[in-house]
Amino acid sequence: ALVHVFALSAQILALLQLGRFGQALQIIRSSKQATERNGSDPWLFSYRDAWLRTLVLDFQGAQQVCDELTRSSVYPSGQAQTIGRLAAGFDALDAGRWDEARRHFEDVRDPAKTPRFFLHWYWRMHAHVGLVRAWLAG
């Protein structure tokens, strides 16, 4: 069962990188439902849901998914907090709240606040981009 779950996760990651968001969303939704029907925590698919939401600029939706993961998942929440901070930074950036955006991006870049986890470098890289955008805009 674990091999199947991780294979689905890898497929979702590939679809996200290819920009095939509709297909990724279908797999995320069906996998979350199947996992919940089996009485398991769908944390892995919730992370992919948050990732998808950041890519389609649904920053508030990504924050909601991450907040729920932080509250309810048995999986360590460092990744959820990081994705949530990044989404909050881009949400603030889009709203013209430059100082708030910079704080969120700095938190993602700070190893003391954002521990290492699967693909942590990916989120830090996007925080660097967001920080540059916030400095240039404000």
Protein backbone atom coordinates (compact mmCIF):
# COMPACT_ATOMS: atom_id res chain seq x y z
CA ALA A 1 0.00 0.00 0.00
CA LEU A 2 2.82 2.41 0.83
CA VAL A 3 4.47 1.89 -2.54
CA HIS A 4 1.19 2.80 -4.24
CA VAL A 5 0.78 5.94 -2.12
CA PHE A 6 4.33 7.13 -2.81
CA ALA A 7 3.94 6.36 -6.52
CA LEU A 8 0.80 8.52 -6.61
CA SER A 9 2.66 11.25 -4.77
CA ALA A 10 5.50 11.15 -7.30
CA GLN A 11 2.98 11.25 -10.15
CA ILE A 12 1.33 14.32 -8.62
CA LEU A 13 4.70 16.05 -8.24
CA ALA A 14 5.51 15.36 -11.89
CA LEU A 15 2.12 16.69 -13.03
CA LEU A 16 2.59 19.84 -10.93
CA GLN A 17 5.98 20.50 -12.51
CA LEU A 18 4.50 19.93 -15.97
CA GLY A 19 1.69 22.40 -15.28
CA ARG A 20 -0.97 19.72 -15.62
CA PHE A 21 -2.94 21.00 -12.68
CA GLY A 22 -6.31 19.47 -13.58
CA GLN A 23 -4.89 15.97 -13.66
CA ALA A 24 -3.01 16.57 -10.43
CA LEU A 25 -6.19 17.82 -8.76
CA GLN A 26 -8.14 14.72 -9.85
CA ILE A 27 -5.53 12.41 -8.37
CA ILE A 28 -5.29 14.47 -5.17
CA ARG A 29 -9.04 14.43 -4.62
CA SER A 30 -9.58 10.76 -5.41
CA SER A 31 -6.56 9.72 -3.33
CA LYS A 32 -7.67 11.81 -0.34
CA GLN A 33 -11.13 10.24 -0.51
CA ALA A 34 -9.74 6.71 -0.78
CA THR A 35 -7.35 7.31 2.11
CA GLU A 36 -10.12 8.70 4.31
CA ARG A 37 -12.43 5.77 3.42
CA ASN A 38 -9.67 3.44 4.61
CA GLY A 39 -9.52 5.29 7.93
CA SER A 40 -6.08 6.78 7.31
CA ASP A 41 -4.78 10.33 7.54
CA PRO A 42 -4.54 11.80 4.01
CA TRP A 43 -1.64 14.06 5.04
CA LEU A 44 0.52 13.32 2.01
CA PHE A 45 -2.23 14.29 -0.41
CA SER A 46 -3.09 17.36 1.66
CA TYR A 47 0.50 18.54 1.21
CA ARG A 48 0.15 18.09 -2.53
CA ASP A 49 -3.14 20.00 -2.38
CA ALA A 50 -1.40 22.92 -0.64
CA TRP A 51 1.39 22.80 -3.23
CA LEU A 52 -1.12 22.89 -6.07
CA ARG A 53 -2.92 25.83 -4.48
CA THR A 54 0.31 27.84 -4.26
CA LEU A 55 1.02 27.19 -7.94
CA VAL A 56 -2.42 28.42 -9.00
CA LEU A 57 -2.06 31.48 -6.73
CA ASP A 58 -4.77 30.38 -4.27
CA PHE A 59 -2.65 31.52 -1.35
CA GLN A 60 -5.48 31.75 1.16
CA GLY A 61 -6.64 28.24 0.22
CA ALA A 62 -3.09 26.94 0.67
CA GLN A 63 -2.94 28.57 4.11
CA GLN A 64 -6.23 26.90 5.09
CA VAL A 65 -4.96 23.47 4.02
CA CYS A 66 -1.72 24.04 5.94
CA ASP A 67 -3.55 25.24 9.06
CA GLU A 68 -5.69 22.10 8.97
CA LEU A 69 -2.60 19.91 8.55
CA THR A 70 -0.91 21.62 11.48
CA ARG A 71 -3.95 21.04 13.69
CA SER A 72 -4.95 17.53 12.70
CA SER A 73 -2.18 15.53 11.08
CA VAL A 74 -0.04 12.98 12.87
CA TYR A 75 2.76 13.89 10.47
CA PRO A 76 5.23 16.55 11.70
CA SER A 77 3.93 19.96 10.69
CA GLY A 78 7.15 21.78 9.73
CA GLN A 79 6.36 21.39 6.06
CA ALA A 80 2.79 22.62 6.53
CA GLN A 81 3.98 25.66 8.46
CA THR A 82 6.55 26.43 5.77
CA ILE A 83 4.11 26.20 2.87
CA GLY A 84 1.62 28.25 4.89
CA ARG A 85 4.22 30.95 5.57
CA LEU A 86 5.20 31.08 1.92
CA ALA A 87 1.55 31.35 0.86
CA ALA A 88 1.01 34.10 3.45
CA GLY A 89 4.04 35.93 2.08
CA PHE A 90 2.77 35.84 -1.48
CA ASP A 91 -0.72 36.83 -0.32
CA ALA A 92 0.77 39.85 1.48
CA LEU A 93 2.92 40.64 -1.55
CA ASP A 94 -0.12 40.64 -3.83
CA ALA A 95 -1.93 42.95 -1.38
CA GLY A 96 0.97 45.42 -1.23
CA ARG A 97 1.88 44.63 2.37
CA TRP A 98 5.64 44.59 1.69
CA ASP A 99 6.91 44.43 5.28
CA GLU A 100 4.59 41.55 6.16
CA ALA A 101 5.60 39.71 2.99
CA ARG A 102 9.29 40.14 3.81
CA ARG A 103 8.75 38.77 7.33
CA HIS A 104 7.05 35.64 6.01
CA PHE A 105 9.71 35.03 3.37
CA GLU A 106 12.51 35.58 5.90
CA ASP A 107 10.86 33.03 8.21
CA VAL A 108 10.84 30.45 5.41
CA ARG A 109 14.53 31.15 4.71
CA ASP A 110 15.50 30.94 8.41
CA PRO A 111 16.74 27.39 9.24
CA ALA A 112 15.82 27.93 12.89
CA LYS A 113 12.16 28.53 11.97
CA THR A 114 12.01 26.23 8.97
CA PRO A 115 13.64 22.89 9.64
CA ARG A 116 14.77 20.59 6.86
CA PHE A 117 12.14 18.30 5.35
CA PHE A 118 11.36 16.71 1.99
CA LEU A 119 12.16 19.31 -0.69
CA HIS A 120 12.71 22.10 1.85
CA TRP A 121 15.09 23.75 -0.62
CA TYR A 122 12.22 24.17 -3.10
CA TRP A 123 10.22 26.30 -0.66
CA ARG A 124 13.28 28.29 0.39
CA MET A 125 14.06 29.03 -3.24
CA HIS A 126 10.56 30.44 -3.73
CA ALA A 127 10.95 32.45 -0.52
CA HIS A 128 14.11 34.00 -2.01
CA VAL A 129 12.15 34.98 -5.12
CA GLY A 130 9.33 36.40 -3.00
CA LEU A 131 11.75 38.35 -0.84
CA VAL A 132 13.40 39.93 -3.88
CA ARG A 133 9.98 40.84 -5.28
CA ALA A 134 8.95 42.39 -1.95
CA TRP A 135 12.15 44.48 -1.75
CA LEU A 136 11.80 45.64 -5.34
CA ALA A 137 8.12 46.51 -4.95
CA GLY A 138 8.30 48.25 -1.61
